[in-house]
Protein backbone atom coordinates (compact mmCIF):
# COMPACT_ATOMS: atom_id res chain seq x y z
CA MET A 1 62.27 -101.98 -37.60
CA THR A 2 62.40 -103.93 -34.34
CA VAL A 3 59.36 -106.11 -33.60
CA PHE A 4 58.88 -107.61 -30.16
CA ILE A 5 57.02 -110.85 -29.61
CA SER A 6 54.52 -111.54 -26.85
CA ARG A 7 55.66 -113.38 -23.76
CA ARG A 8 53.39 -116.32 -24.64
CA GLU A 9 55.22 -116.68 -27.97
CA LEU A 10 58.54 -116.12 -26.20
CA LEU A 11 57.96 -119.09 -23.92
CA LYS A 12 56.63 -121.22 -26.76
CA ARG A 13 59.83 -120.64 -28.71
CA ALA A 14 62.06 -121.13 -25.68
CA GLY A 15 60.79 -124.55 -24.66
CA LEU A 16 62.10 -126.15 -21.49
CA ALA A 17 65.70 -127.13 -22.20
CA GLY A 18 66.69 -123.98 -24.08
CA ALA A 19 65.00 -121.30 -22.02
CA VAL A 20 68.13 -119.43 -20.98
CA ALA A 21 69.77 -119.62 -24.41
CA ALA A 22 66.79 -119.05 -26.68
CA VAL A 23 64.37 -116.65 -25.00
CA ALA A 24 63.96 -113.39 -26.92
CA PRO A 25 62.80 -110.02 -25.51
CA ALA A 26 59.12 -109.71 -24.64
CA PHE A 27 57.71 -106.26 -24.11
CA ALA A 28 54.16 -106.16 -22.77
CA ALA A 29 51.49 -104.57 -24.89
CA GLY A 30 47.73 -104.42 -24.96
CA ASP A 31 46.14 -107.30 -23.06
CA GLU A 32 49.46 -108.22 -21.44
CA ALA A 33 49.83 -104.80 -19.84
CA ALA A 34 46.18 -104.80 -18.78
CA GLY A 35 46.64 -107.98 -16.79
CA ALA A 36 49.87 -106.98 -15.07
CA GLN A 37 48.29 -105.19 -12.12
CA THR A 38 45.98 -108.09 -11.33
CA THR A 39 48.80 -110.61 -11.52
CA ALA A 40 51.11 -108.48 -9.37
CA ALA A 41 48.42 -108.16 -6.73
CA ALA A 42 47.89 -111.91 -6.70
CA VAL A 43 51.60 -112.64 -6.36
CA GLY A 44 52.15 -109.86 -3.83
CA PRO A 45 54.72 -107.05 -3.88
CA ALA A 46 58.32 -108.16 -3.48
CA ALA A 47 60.34 -106.49 -0.73
CA ARG A 48 63.39 -104.65 -2.02
CA ASP A 49 66.47 -106.83 -1.82
CA PRO A 50 69.59 -105.66 0.00
CA ILE A 51 72.04 -104.28 -2.57
CA ALA A 52 75.51 -105.79 -2.66
CA ASN A 53 77.20 -104.42 -5.78
CA LEU A 54 74.86 -102.00 -7.57
CA THR A 55 74.04 -98.56 -6.25
CA ALA A 56 70.45 -97.80 -5.24
CA ALA A 57 69.98 -95.66 -8.36
CA GLU A 58 71.42 -98.38 -10.62
CA SER A 59 69.22 -100.99 -8.97
CA ASP A 60 66.09 -98.91 -9.62
CA ILE A 61 66.95 -98.48 -13.30
CA LEU A 62 67.80 -102.15 -13.72
CA GLU A 63 64.59 -103.24 -11.97
CA ALA A 64 62.61 -101.12 -14.42
CA ILE A 65 64.46 -102.62 -17.40
CA ALA A 66 63.99 -106.19 -16.24
CA ALA A 67 60.29 -105.57 -15.62
CA ARG A 68 59.87 -104.67 -19.30
CA LEU A 69 62.03 -107.49 -20.67
CA ILE A 70 60.02 -110.21 -18.91
CA PRO A 71 56.92 -108.39 -17.66
CA THR A 72 54.36 -109.32 -15.09
CA ASP A 73 51.14 -109.76 -17.06
CA ALA A 74 47.88 -111.69 -17.32
CA ASN A 75 49.86 -114.88 -17.94
CA GLY A 76 51.74 -114.73 -14.66
CA PRO A 77 54.71 -113.23 -12.82
CA GLY A 78 57.84 -112.00 -14.55
CA ALA A 79 61.42 -110.95 -13.87
CA SER A 80 60.43 -108.74 -10.93
CA GLU A 81 58.83 -111.58 -8.99
CA ALA A 82 61.68 -113.90 -9.97
CA ARG A 83 64.11 -111.38 -8.41
CA ALA A 84 66.24 -111.38 -11.54
CA VAL A 85 67.98 -108.16 -10.48
CA HIS A 86 68.93 -109.75 -7.16
CA TYR A 87 70.66 -112.47 -9.18
CA ILE A 88 72.49 -109.89 -11.30
CA ASP A 89 73.52 -107.77 -8.32
CA ARG A 90 74.85 -110.81 -6.49
CA ALA A 91 76.66 -112.17 -9.58
CA LEU A 92 78.35 -108.82 -10.22
CA GLY A 93 80.38 -109.54 -7.11
CA GLY A 94 81.40 -112.96 -8.40
CA ALA A 95 80.88 -114.71 -11.75
CA LEU A 96 79.85 -111.50 -13.55
CA ALA A 97 82.37 -109.21 -11.84
CA SER A 98 83.98 -108.30 -15.17
CA SER A 99 80.64 -106.78 -16.27
CA ARG A 100 80.41 -104.35 -13.34
CA PRO A 101 81.99 -101.38 -15.20
CA THR A 102 79.72 -102.06 -18.18
CA TYR A 103 76.65 -101.93 -15.95
CA GLN A 104 77.81 -98.72 -14.32
CA ALA A 105 78.37 -96.96 -17.64
CA GLY A 106 75.40 -98.53 -19.43
CA LEU A 107 72.76 -97.87 -16.78
CA ASN A 108 73.91 -94.26 -16.47
CA ALA A 109 73.84 -93.86 -20.27
CA LEU A 110 70.36 -95.39 -20.53
CA ASP A 111 68.98 -93.09 -17.85
CA GLN A 112 70.58 -90.04 -19.44
CA TYR A 113 69.18 -91.05 -22.83
CA ALA A 114 65.69 -91.36 -21.30
CA ARG A 115 66.01 -87.92 -19.71
CA SER A 116 67.23 -86.28 -22.92
CA THR A 117 64.68 -87.91 -25.25
CA ARG A 118 61.64 -88.40 -22.97
CA GLY A 119 62.19 -85.72 -20.37
CA ARG A 120 62.24 -87.96 -17.30
CA PRO A 121 64.38 -90.67 -15.65
CA PHE A 122 63.84 -94.12 -17.14
CA ALA A 123 62.20 -95.55 -14.00
CA ALA A 124 59.66 -92.68 -14.01
CA LEU A 125 58.50 -93.28 -17.60
CA SER A 126 55.32 -95.10 -18.56
CA ALA A 127 55.61 -98.69 -19.76
CA ALA A 128 55.13 -97.60 -23.37
CA GLU A 129 57.81 -94.91 -23.03
CA GLN A 130 60.21 -97.38 -21.43
CA ASP A 131 59.61 -99.79 -24.31
CA GLY A 132 60.41 -97.01 -26.75
CA VAL A 133 63.71 -96.28 -25.01
CA LEU A 134 64.62 -99.96 -24.93
CA ILE A 135 63.81 -100.37 -28.63
CA ASP A 136 66.27 -97.56 -29.34
CA VAL A 137 68.86 -99.18 -27.08
CA GLU A 138 68.45 -102.61 -28.68
CA SER A 139 68.59 -101.25 -32.21
CA GLY A 140 71.82 -99.40 -31.46
CA THR A 141 70.41 -95.93 -32.14
CA ALA A 142 70.55 -94.75 -28.52
CA THR A 143 73.51 -92.48 -27.89
CA GLY A 144 76.02 -92.18 -25.05
CA PHE A 145 76.85 -95.87 -24.60
CA PRO A 146 80.52 -96.90 -24.58
CA GLY A 147 80.77 -99.73 -27.09
CA GLY A 148 77.24 -99.11 -28.42
CA SER A 149 73.81 -99.44 -26.89
CA ALA A 150 72.93 -102.76 -28.59
CA GLU A 151 75.81 -104.51 -26.86
CA PHE A 152 74.59 -103.28 -23.48
CA PHE A 153 71.00 -104.32 -24.24
CA ASN A 154 72.08 -107.85 -25.13
CA LEU A 155 74.13 -108.12 -21.94
CA VAL A 156 71.23 -107.06 -19.70
CA ARG A 157 68.74 -109.22 -21.57
CA THR A 158 70.96 -112.28 -21.19
CA HIS A 159 71.47 -111.73 -17.48
CA THR A 160 67.77 -111.01 -16.90
CA ILE A 161 66.89 -114.31 -18.55
CA GLN A 162 69.48 -116.07 -16.43
CA GLY A 163 68.11 -114.47 -13.27
CA THR A 164 64.54 -115.43 -14.10
CA PHE A 165 65.17 -119.07 -15.01
CA CYS A 166 68.31 -120.04 -13.04
CA ASP A 167 68.51 -122.45 -10.16
CA PRO A 168 67.19 -120.46 -7.15
CA PHE A 169 70.49 -121.15 -5.36
CA TYR A 170 72.03 -118.34 -7.42
CA GLY A 171 69.63 -115.68 -6.18
CA GLY A 172 67.02 -115.55 -8.94
CA ASN A 173 63.96 -117.61 -9.90
CA ALA A 174 62.48 -116.79 -6.48
CA ASN A 175 59.84 -119.27 -5.35
CA PHE A 176 60.50 -121.13 -8.61
CA VAL A 177 58.31 -118.68 -10.55
CA GLY A 178 60.58 -118.89 -13.61
CA TRP A 179 60.44 -122.67 -13.75
CA ASP A 180 56.69 -122.63 -13.19
CA MET A 181 56.37 -120.10 -16.02
CA ILE A 182 57.87 -122.50 -18.57
CA GLY A 183 56.48 -125.67 -17.00
CA TYR A 184 59.82 -127.04 -15.87
CA PRO A 185 59.00 -129.53 -13.07
CA GLY A 186 62.25 -129.13 -11.16
CA VAL A 187 65.48 -131.07 -10.72
CA ARG A 188 65.04 -134.82 -10.38
CA THR A 189 67.60 -137.56 -9.79
CA ILE A 190 65.10 -140.31 -10.65
CA VAL A 191 62.57 -140.14 -13.48
CA THR A 192 60.02 -142.93 -13.85
CA PRO A 193 59.13 -144.42 -17.26
CA ASP A 194 55.67 -142.89 -16.94
CA GLU A 195 57.18 -139.44 -16.39
CA GLN A 196 59.29 -139.88 -19.54
CA ARG A 197 56.25 -140.30 -21.77
CA LEU A 198 55.74 -137.59 -24.38
CA GLY A 199 53.20 -135.17 -22.99
CA ALA A 200 53.34 -136.58 -19.48
CA ASP A 201 52.08 -134.25 -16.76
CA VAL A 202 54.96 -134.15 -14.30
CA PRO A 203 54.15 -132.17 -11.13
CA SER A 204 56.63 -129.56 -9.96
CA ASN A 205 58.74 -130.58 -6.99
CA HIS A 206 60.22 -127.10 -6.44
CA LYS A 207 63.66 -128.45 -5.68
CA SER A 208 67.01 -126.86 -6.39
CA ALA A 209 69.86 -129.03 -7.63
CA TYR A 210 71.55 -128.24 -4.33
CA ASP A 211 68.75 -129.88 -2.37
CA TYR A 212 70.42 -133.14 -3.37
CA ASP A 213 73.62 -134.39 -1.73
CA MET A 214 75.10 -135.39 -5.08
CA PHE A 215 75.47 -131.72 -6.09
CA THR A 216 78.10 -129.66 -4.31
CA LYS A 217 77.95 -125.90 -3.78
């Protein structure tokens, strides 16, 4: 039986250095879901990004998936505010281009599975129903996926994590919300001895690596 951890525990396990590699799925439940609306209102609704490589229908499904993987809740913004799907859409035309056919087939299969088992498109389901679909997909019991549903789930989860915590230059981590979420203070070329102390409170500088001349695009 698949058991999902809370986002608070997710971030605790991830730490700062290993966020992209170690973060596990976090589906909102209970108090997390209750706080999502308040947090979203405080952050403000994000305007829909121009679509470069996904279709509008695919983008809607992927936005709904990402919003459940790293949800907006009482603890703060999530993948939606970080514009993780914008990162994925952009990368599918470049570094992740080889994954484009997998996204096309997988997103269609996920939506068809939601329709056949829950009676509605995935994006139209309640949060709890979406979580149920995604549990099936992660466990490999969802049908209609070329190569298996678990493989597709892992791909989307990995890219959603990347889009939430990447350098903003790559199209995700909008307004540094991902770095703020895990307490990462931003890229620095000079770190003082005081800032290197264990437990030091280092303020965020909200700088991309590419704000420095030493890094080339």
